[in-house]
PDB file of N, CA and C in Angstrom:
ATOM      1  N   MET A   1     131.862  43.185 248.416  1.00  0.00           N
ATOM      2  CA  MET A   1     131.664  44.216 247.426  1.00  0.00           C
ATOM      3  C   MET A   1     132.238  45.538 247.929  1.00  0.00           C
ATOM      4  N   LYS A   2     132.785  46.292 247.019  1.00  0.00           N
ATOM      5  CA  LYS A   2     133.324  47.589 247.385  1.00  0.00           C
ATOM      6  C   LYS A   2     132.188  48.574 247.632  1.00  0.00           C
ATOM      7  N   GLU A   3     132.395  49.469 248.539  1.00  0.00           N
ATOM      8  CA  GLU A   3     131.388  50.460 248.863  1.00  0.00           C
ATOM      9  C   GLU A   3     131.511  51.676 247.954  1.00  0.00           C
ATOM     10  N   LYS A   4     130.399  52.328 247.712  1.00  0.00           N
ATOM     11  CA  LYS A   4     130.294  53.587 246.988  1.00  0.00           C
ATOM     12  C   LYS A   4     130.694  53.518 245.507  1.00  0.00           C
ATOM     13  N   ILE A   5     130.659  52.317 244.896  1.00  0.00           N
ATOM     14  CA  ILE A   5     130.957  52.232 243.464  1.00  0.00           C
ATOM     15  C   ILE A   5     129.743  51.765 242.660  1.00  0.00           C
ATOM     16  N   HIS A   6     128.704  51.275 243.335  1.00  0.00           N
ATOM     17  CA  HIS A   6     127.547  50.726 242.654  1.00  0.00           C
ATOM     18  C   HIS A   6     126.466  51.790 242.494  1.00  0.00           C
ATOM     19  N   PRO A   7     125.753  51.798 241.360  1.00  0.00           N
ATOM     20  CA  PRO A   7     124.687  52.782 241.167  1.00  0.00           C
ATOM     21  C   PRO A   7     123.492  52.479 242.071  1.00  0.00           C
ATOM     22  N   GLU A   8     122.656  53.482 242.284  1.00  0.00           N
ATOM     23  CA  GLU A   8     121.472  53.308 243.125  1.00  0.00           C
ATOM     24  C   GLU A   8     120.455  52.437 242.391  1.00  0.00           C
ATOM     25  N   TYR A   9     119.830  51.547 243.131  1.00  0.00           N
ATOM     26  CA  TYR A   9     118.834  50.630 242.596  1.00  0.00           C
ATOM     27  C   TYR A   9     117.516  50.983 243.260  1.00  0.00           C
ATOM     28  N   HIS A  10     116.534  51.431 242.469  1.00  0.00           N
ATOM     29  CA  HIS A  10     115.284  51.886 243.059  1.00  0.00           C
ATOM     30  C   HIS A  10     114.086  51.459 242.201  1.00  0.00           C
ATOM     31  N   ASP A  11     112.877  51.593 242.772  1.00  0.00           N
ATOM     32  CA  ASP A  11     111.654  51.236 242.056  1.00  0.00           C
ATOM     33  C   ASP A  11     111.341  52.292 241.006  1.00  0.00           C
ATOM     34  N   ILE A  12     110.951  51.816 239.804  1.00  0.00           N
ATOM     35  CA  ILE A  12     110.609  52.733 238.713  1.00  0.00           C
ATOM     36  C   ILE A  12     109.344  52.247 238.020  1.00  0.00           C
ATOM     37  N   LYS A  13     108.837  53.069 237.102  1.00  0.00           N
ATOM     38  CA  LYS A  13     107.702  52.697 236.275  1.00  0.00           C
ATOM     39  C   LYS A  13     108.162  52.684 234.815  1.00  0.00           C
ATOM     40  N   VAL A  14     107.885  51.573 234.134  1.00  0.00           N
ATOM     41  CA  VAL A  14     108.172  51.448 232.707  1.00  0.00           C
ATOM     42  C   VAL A  14     106.882  51.822 231.988  1.00  0.00           C
ATOM     43  N   VAL A  15     106.949  52.820 231.105  1.00  0.00           N
ATOM     44  CA  VAL A  15     105.767  53.313 230.415  1.00  0.00           C
ATOM     45  C   VAL A  15     105.839  52.917 228.950  1.00  0.00           C
ATOM     46  N   CYS A  16     104.767  52.263 228.478  1.00  0.00           N
ATOM     47  CA  CYS A  16     104.677  51.848 227.079  1.00  0.00           C
ATOM     48  C   CYS A  16     103.926  52.911 226.291  1.00  0.00           C
ATOM     49  N   SER A  17     104.135  52.940 224.979  1.00  0.00           N
ATOM     50  CA  SER A  17     103.439  53.909 224.137  1.00  0.00           C
ATOM     51  C   SER A  17     101.937  53.628 224.077  1.00  0.00           C
ATOM     52  N   CYS A  18     101.516  52.403 224.410  1.00  0.00           N
ATOM     53  CA  CYS A  18     100.092  52.077 224.426  1.00  0.00           C
ATOM     54  C   CYS A  18      99.414  52.571 225.705  1.00  0.00           C
ATOM     55  N   GLY A  19     100.206  53.021 226.674  1.00  0.00           N
ATOM     56  CA  GLY A  19      99.654  53.538 227.917  1.00  0.00           C
ATOM     57  C   GLY A  19      99.813  52.592 229.093  1.00  0.00           C
ATOM     58  N   ASN A  20     100.271  51.385 228.857  1.00  0.00           N
ATOM     59  CA  ASN A  20     100.471  50.407 229.921  1.00  0.00           C
ATOM     60  C   ASN A  20     101.658  50.817 230.791  1.00  0.00           C
ATOM     61  N   ILE A  21     101.506  50.669 232.115  1.00  0.00           N
ATOM     62  CA  ILE A  21     102.576  51.011 233.054  1.00  0.00           C
ATOM     63  C   ILE A  21     102.943  49.754 233.835  1.00  0.00           C
ATOM     64  N   ILE A  22     104.239  49.448 233.857  1.00  0.00           N
ATOM     65  CA  ILE A  22     104.761  48.282 234.563  1.00  0.00           C
ATOM     66  C   ILE A  22     105.716  48.774 235.634  1.00  0.00           C
ATOM     67  N   GLU A  23     105.531  48.298 236.850  1.00  0.00           N
ATOM     68  CA  GLU A  23     106.425  48.685 237.943  1.00  0.00           C
ATOM     69  C   GLU A  23     107.514  47.638 238.094  1.00  0.00           C
ATOM     70  N   THR A  24     108.748  48.108 238.222  1.00  0.00           N
ATOM     71  CA  THR A  24     109.896  47.220 238.357  1.00  0.00           C
ATOM     72  C   THR A  24     110.992  47.967 239.103  1.00  0.00           C
ATOM     73  N   ALA A  25     112.165  47.380 239.196  1.00  0.00           N
ATOM     74  CA  ALA A  25     113.307  48.022 239.839  1.00  0.00           C
ATOM     75  C   ALA A  25     114.451  48.089 238.849  1.00  0.00           C
ATOM     76  N   SER A  26     115.196  49.198 238.898  1.00  0.00           N
ATOM     77  CA  SER A  26     116.282  49.381 237.945  1.00  0.00           C
ATOM     78  C   SER A  26     117.229  50.459 238.444  1.00  0.00           C
ATOM     79  N   THR A  27     118.367  50.554 237.781  1.00  0.00           N
ATOM     80  CA  THR A  27     119.296  51.641 238.067  1.00  0.00           C
ATOM     81  C   THR A  27     118.943  52.874 237.253  1.00  0.00           C
ATOM     82  N   ALA A  28     118.142  52.702 236.181  1.00  0.00           N
ATOM     83  CA  ALA A  28     117.690  53.836 235.374  1.00  0.00           C
ATOM     84  C   ALA A  28     116.568  54.556 236.120  1.00  0.00           C
ATOM     85  N   LYS A  29     116.419  55.853 235.875  1.00  0.00           N
ATOM     86  CA  LYS A  29     115.385  56.615 236.574  1.00  0.00           C
ATOM     87  C   LYS A  29     114.016  56.411 235.955  1.00  0.00           C
ATOM     88  N   GLN A  30     113.955  56.268 234.625  1.00  0.00           N
ATOM     89  CA  GLN A  30     112.701  56.000 233.956  1.00  0.00           C
ATOM     90  C   GLN A  30     112.971  55.303 232.626  1.00  0.00           C
ATOM     91  N   ILE A  31     112.002  54.501 232.188  1.00  0.00           N
ATOM     92  CA  ILE A  31     112.139  53.768 230.937  1.00  0.00           C
ATOM     93  C   ILE A  31     110.844  53.935 230.146  1.00  0.00           C
ATOM     94  N   HIS A  32     110.977  54.291 228.876  1.00  0.00           N
ATOM     95  CA  HIS A  32     109.843  54.386 227.955  1.00  0.00           C
ATOM     96  C   HIS A  32     110.080  53.387 226.828  1.00  0.00           C
ATOM     97  N   VAL A  33     109.072  52.538 226.565  1.00  0.00           N
ATOM     98  CA  VAL A  33     109.193  51.535 225.513  1.00  0.00           C
ATOM     99  C   VAL A  33     108.085  51.724 224.480  1.00  0.00           C
ATOM    100  N   GLU A  34     108.311  51.209 223.268  1.00  0.00           N
ATOM    101  CA  GLU A  34     107.327  51.337 222.200  1.00  0.00           C
ATOM    102  C   GLU A  34     106.315  50.198 222.213  1.00  0.00           C
ATOM    103  N   ILE A  35     106.711  49.040 222.708  1.00  0.00           N
ATOM    104  CA  ILE A  35     105.824  47.885 222.697  1.00  0.00           C
ATOM    105  C   ILE A  35     106.052  47.066 223.965  1.00  0.00           C
ATOM    106  N   CYS A  36     104.972  46.523 224.523  1.00  0.00           N
ATOM    107  CA  CYS A  36     105.075  45.740 225.755  1.00  0.00           C
ATOM    108  C   CYS A  36     104.232  44.478 225.623  1.00  0.00           C
ATOM    109  N   SER A  37     104.132  43.708 226.692  1.00  0.00           N
ATOM    110  CA  SER A  37     103.367  42.466 226.642  1.00  0.00           C
ATOM    111  C   SER A  37     101.867  42.714 226.508  1.00  0.00           C
ATOM    112  N   ALA A  38     101.407  43.905 226.824  1.00  0.00           N
ATOM    113  CA  ALA A  38      99.981  44.214 226.698  1.00  0.00           C
ATOM    114  C   ALA A  38      99.584  44.517 225.248  1.00  0.00           C
ATOM    115  N   CYS A  39     100.534  44.964 224.429  1.00  0.00           N
ATOM    116  CA  CYS A  39     100.189  45.331 223.052  1.00  0.00           C
ATOM    117  C   CYS A  39     100.956  44.532 221.993  1.00  0.00           C
ATOM    118  N   HIS A  40     101.875  43.663 222.377  1.00  0.00           N
ATOM    119  CA  HIS A  40     102.634  42.872 221.408  1.00  0.00           C
ATOM    120  C   HIS A  40     101.758  41.752 220.848  1.00  0.00           C
ATOM    121  N   PRO A  41     101.763  41.552 219.509  1.00  0.00           N
ATOM    122  CA  PRO A  41     100.906  40.532 218.896  1.00  0.00           C
ATOM    123  C   PRO A  41     101.150  39.115 219.413  1.00  0.00           C
ATOM    124  N   PHE A  42     102.350  38.784 219.824  1.00  0.00           N
ATOM    125  CA  PHE A  42     102.638  37.448 220.337  1.00  0.00           C
ATOM    126  C   PHE A  42     101.832  37.171 221.596  1.00  0.00           C
ATOM    127  N   PHE A  43     101.724  38.157 222.471  1.00  0.00           N
ATOM    128  CA  PHE A  43     101.026  37.978 223.730  1.00  0.00           C
ATOM    129  C   PHE A  43      99.522  38.206 223.612  1.00  0.00           C
ATOM    130  N   THR A  44      99.088  39.077 222.723  1.00  0.00           N
ATOM    131  CA  THR A  44      97.667  39.390 222.593  1.00  0.00           C
ATOM    132  C   THR A  44      96.943  38.430 221.662  1.00  0.00           C
ATOM    133  N   GLY A  45      97.660  37.822 220.717  1.00  0.00           N
ATOM    134  CA  GLY A  45      97.036  36.932 219.756  1.00  0.00           C
ATOM    135  C   GLY A  45      96.420  37.678 218.587  1.00  0.00           C
ATOM    136  N   LYS A  46      96.521  38.994 218.584  1.00  0.00           N
ATOM    137  CA  LYS A  46      95.990  39.806 217.498  1.00  0.00           C
ATOM    138  C   LYS A  46      97.147  40.262 216.631  1.00  0.00           C
ATOM    139  N   GLN A  47      96.973  40.119 215.338  1.00  0.00           N
ATOM    140  CA  GLN A  47      98.033  40.528 214.425  1.00  0.00           C
ATOM    141  C   GLN A  47      97.706  41.890 213.847  1.00  0.00           C
ATOM    142  N   LYS A  48      98.674  42.776 213.872  1.00  0.00           N
ATOM    143  CA  LYS A  48      98.498  44.092 213.285  1.00  0.00           C
ATOM    144  C   LYS A  48      98.878  44.025 211.821  1.00  0.00           C
ATOM    145  N   LEU A  49      98.108  44.696 210.978  1.00  0.00           N
ATOM    146  CA  LEU A  49      98.374  44.706 209.555  1.00  0.00           C
ATOM    147  C   LEU A  49      99.418  45.770 209.246  1.00  0.00           C
ATOM    148  N   ILE A  50     100.496  45.342 208.658  1.00  0.00           N
ATOM    149  CA  ILE A  50     101.570  46.256 208.297  1.00  0.00           C
ATOM    150  C   ILE A  50     101.609  46.355 206.777  1.00  0.00           C
ATOM    151  N   ASP A  51     101.679  47.555 206.262  1.00  0.00           N
ATOM    152  CA  ASP A  51     101.664  47.767 204.814  1.00  0.00           C
ATOM    153  C   ASP A  51     103.016  47.425 204.222  1.00  0.00           C
ATOM    154  N   THR A  52     103.125  46.207 203.721  1.00  0.00           N
ATOM    155  CA  THR A  52     104.361  45.796 203.053  1.00  0.00           C
ATOM    156  C   THR A  52     104.131  45.649 201.556  1.00  0.00           C
ATOM    157  N   ALA A  53     102.914  45.902 201.104  1.00  0.00           N
ATOM    158  CA  ALA A  53     102.592  45.733 199.683  1.00  0.00           C
ATOM    159  C   ALA A  53     103.473  46.610 198.810  1.00  0.00           C
ATOM    160  N   GLY A  54     103.735  47.816 199.244  1.00  0.00           N
ATOM    161  CA  GLY A  54     104.589  48.701 198.463  1.00  0.00           C
ATOM    162  C   GLY A  54     105.983  48.144 198.298  1.00  0.00           C
ATOM    163  N   ARG A  55     106.521  47.548 199.331  1.00  0.00           N
ATOM    164  CA  ARG A  55     107.865  46.974 199.259  1.00  0.00           C
ATOM    165  C   ARG A  55     107.902  45.775 198.327  1.00  0.00           C
ATOM    166  N   VAL A  56     106.903  44.924 198.453  1.00  0.00           N
ATOM    167  CA  VAL A  56     106.858  43.723 197.617  1.00  0.00           C
ATOM    168  C   VAL A  56     106.705  44.106 196.154  1.00  0.00           C
ATOM    169  N   GLU A  57     105.834  45.066 195.869  1.00  0.00           N
ATOM    170  CA  GLU A  57     105.629  45.501 194.492  1.00  0.00           C
ATOM    171  C   GLU A  57     106.898  46.097 193.891  1.00  0.00           C
ATOM    172  N   ARG A  58     107.623  46.892 194.672  1.00  0.00           N
ATOM    173  CA  ARG A  58     108.887  47.458 194.174  1.00  0.00           C
ATOM    174  C   ARG A  58     109.883  46.358 193.876  1.00  0.00           C
ATOM    175  N   PHE A  59     109.959  45.354 194.766  1.00  0.00           N
ATOM    176  CA  PHE A  59     110.886  44.233 194.560  1.00  0.00           C
ATOM    177  C   PHE A  59     110.536  43.484 193.284  1.00  0.00           C
ATOM    178  N   GLN A  60     109.248  43.171 193.108  1.00  0.00           N
ATOM    179  CA  GLN A  60     108.828  42.436 191.916  1.00  0.00           C
ATOM    180  C   GLN A  60     109.066  43.243 190.654  1.00  0.00           C
ATOM    181  N   LYS A  61     108.817  44.538 190.702  1.00  0.00           N
ATOM    182  CA  LYS A  61     109.038  45.393 189.537  1.00  0.00           C
ATOM    183  C   LYS A  61     110.519  45.442 189.177  1.00  0.00           C
ATOM    184  N   LYS A  62     111.359  45.551 190.183  1.00  0.00           N
ATOM    185  CA  LYS A  62     112.805  45.636 189.965  1.00  0.00           C
ATOM    186  C   LYS A  62     113.326  44.372 189.281  1.00  0.00           C
ATOM    187  N   TYR A  63     112.918  43.216 189.776  1.00  0.00           N
ATOM    188  CA  TYR A  63     113.426  41.974 189.222  1.00  0.00           C
ATOM    189  C   TYR A  63     112.683  41.540 187.966  1.00  0.00           C
ATOM    190  N   ALA A  64     111.488  42.078 187.724  1.00  0.00           N
ATOM    191  CA  ALA A  64     110.796  41.804 186.467  1.00  0.00           C
ATOM    192  C   ALA A  64     111.559  42.459 185.318  1.00  0.00           C
ATOM    193  N   GLN A  65     112.072  43.661 185.534  1.00  0.00           N
ATOM    194  CA  GLN A  65     112.872  44.330 184.507  1.00  0.00           C
ATOM    195  C   GLN A  65     114.124  43.525 184.209  1.00  0.00           C
ATOM    196  N   ARG A  66     114.737  42.979 185.221  1.00  0.00           N
ATOM    197  CA  ARG A  66     115.943  42.171 185.042  1.00  0.00           C
ATOM    198  C   ARG A  66     115.638  40.930 184.219  1.00  0.00           C
ATOM    199  N   GLU A  67     114.509  40.281 184.500  1.00  0.00           N
ATOM    200  CA  GLU A  67     114.122  39.084 183.755  1.00  0.00           C
ATOM    201  C   GLU A  67     113.858  39.421 182.290  1.00  0.00           C
ATOM    202  N   GLU A  68     113.237  40.566 182.018  1.00  0.00           N
ATOM    203  CA  GLU A  68     112.982  40.970 180.638  1.00  0.00           C
ATOM    204  C   GLU A  68     114.285  41.178 179.876  1.00  0.00           C
ATOM    205  N   ILE A  69     115.250  41.783 180.497  1.00  0.00           N
ATOM    206  CA  ILE A  69     116.560  42.011 179.866  1.00  0.00           C
ATOM    207  C   ILE A  69     117.241  40.685 179.564  1.00  0.00           C
ATOM    208  N   LEU A  70     117.177  39.752 180.503  1.00  0.00           N
ATOM    209  CA  LEU A  70     117.790  38.440 180.278  1.00  0.00           C
ATOM    210  C   LEU A  70     117.097  37.680 179.157  1.00  0.00           C
ATOM    211  N   LYS A  71     115.766  37.773 179.068  1.00  0.00           N
ATOM    212  CA  LYS A  71     115.032  37.098 177.991  1.00  0.00           C
ATOM    213  C   LYS A  71     115.410  37.676 176.629  1.00  0.00           C
ATOM    214  N   LYS A  72     115.522  38.996 176.542  1.00  0.00           N
ATOM    215  CA  LYS A  72     115.897  39.636 175.283  1.00  0.00           C
ATOM    216  C   LYS A  72     117.304  39.227 174.869  1.00  0.00           C
ATOM    217  N   ALA A  73     118.197  39.120 175.845  1.00  0.00           N
ATOM    218  CA  ALA A  73     119.574  38.725 175.539  1.00  0.00           C
ATOM    219  C   ALA A  73     119.626  37.293 175.023  1.00  0.00           C
ATOM    220  N   LYS A  74     118.791  36.407 175.566  1.00  0.00           N
ATOM    221  CA  LYS A  74     118.765  35.020 175.111  1.00  0.00           C
ATOM    222  C   LYS A  74     118.176  34.909 173.716  1.00  0.00           C
ATOM    223  N   GLN A  75     117.190  35.758 173.404  1.00  0.00           N
ATOM    224  CA  GLN A  75     116.555  35.726 172.090  1.00  0.00           C
ATOM    225  C   GLN A  75     117.519  36.168 170.990  1.00  0.00           C
ATOM    226  N   LYS A  76     118.408  37.095 171.294  1.00  0.00           N
ATOM    227  CA  LYS A  76     119.374  37.580 170.310  1.00  0.00           C
ATOM    228  C   LYS A  76     120.402  36.508 169.981  1.00  0.00           C
ATOM    229  N   GLY A  77     120.605  35.577 170.850  1.00  0.00           N
ATOM    230  CA  GLY A  77     121.556  34.521 170.611  1.00  0.00           C
ATOM    231  C   GLY A  77     122.887  34.826 171.269  1.00  0.00           C
ATOM    232  N   PRO A  78     123.779  33.866 171.225  1.00  0.00           N
ATOM    233  CA  PRO A  78     125.086  34.081 171.864  1.00  0.00           C
ATOM    234  C   PRO A  78     125.920  35.098 171.089  1.00  0.00           C
ATOM    235  N   ARG A  79     126.704  35.802 171.790  1.00  0.00           N
ATOM    236  CA  ARG A  79     127.587  36.800 171.178  1.00  0.00           C
ATOM    237  C   ARG A  79     128.891  36.126 170.770  1.00  0.00           C
ATOM    238  N   THR A  80     129.344  36.478 169.595  1.00  0.00           N
ATOM    239  CA  THR A  80     130.621  35.927 169.138  1.00  0.00           C
ATOM    240  C   THR A  80     131.578  37.069 168.835  1.00  0.00           C
ATOM    241  N   ILE A  81     132.798  36.837 169.145  1.00  0.00           N
ATOM    242  CA  ILE A  81     133.825  37.832 168.904  1.00  0.00           C
ATOM    243  C   ILE A  81     134.791  37.262 167.863  1.00  0.00           C
ATOM    244  N   THR A  82     135.005  38.029 166.798  1.00  0.00           N
ATOM    245  CA  THR A  82     135.959  37.588 165.768  1.00  0.00           C
ATOM    246  C   THR A  82     137.213  38.431 165.860  1.00  0.00           C
ATOM    247  N   ILE A  83     138.337  37.763 165.806  1.00  0.00           N
ATOM    248  CA  ILE A  83     139.625  38.441 165.888  1.00  0.00           C
ATOM    249  C   ILE A  83     140.328  38.283 164.545  1.00  0.00           C
ATOM    250  N   ASN A  84     140.719  39.373 163.933  1.00  0.00           N
ATOM    251  CA  ASN A  84     141.387  39.329 162.634  1.00  0.00           C
ATOM    252  C   ASN A  84     142.875  39.331 162.781  1.00  0.00           C
TER     253      ASN A  84
END
């Protein structure tokens, strides 16, 4: 390996937003993460409730309007074009 081209590798602390601190080694001086194994639902077995109801309702409302338009178009019957 060539000398003086590699970054310094030292011990650091990874800090999670939940307050958990993990000690590891890295070339970065510090690392902050939003989620770790102490607070992630996969590892804890606890599921956090996320409000997706608003998104689902908007989606259903958007496509309900589309379905109504298609039903009205079918009720009117097929369109015919006459050329003179």
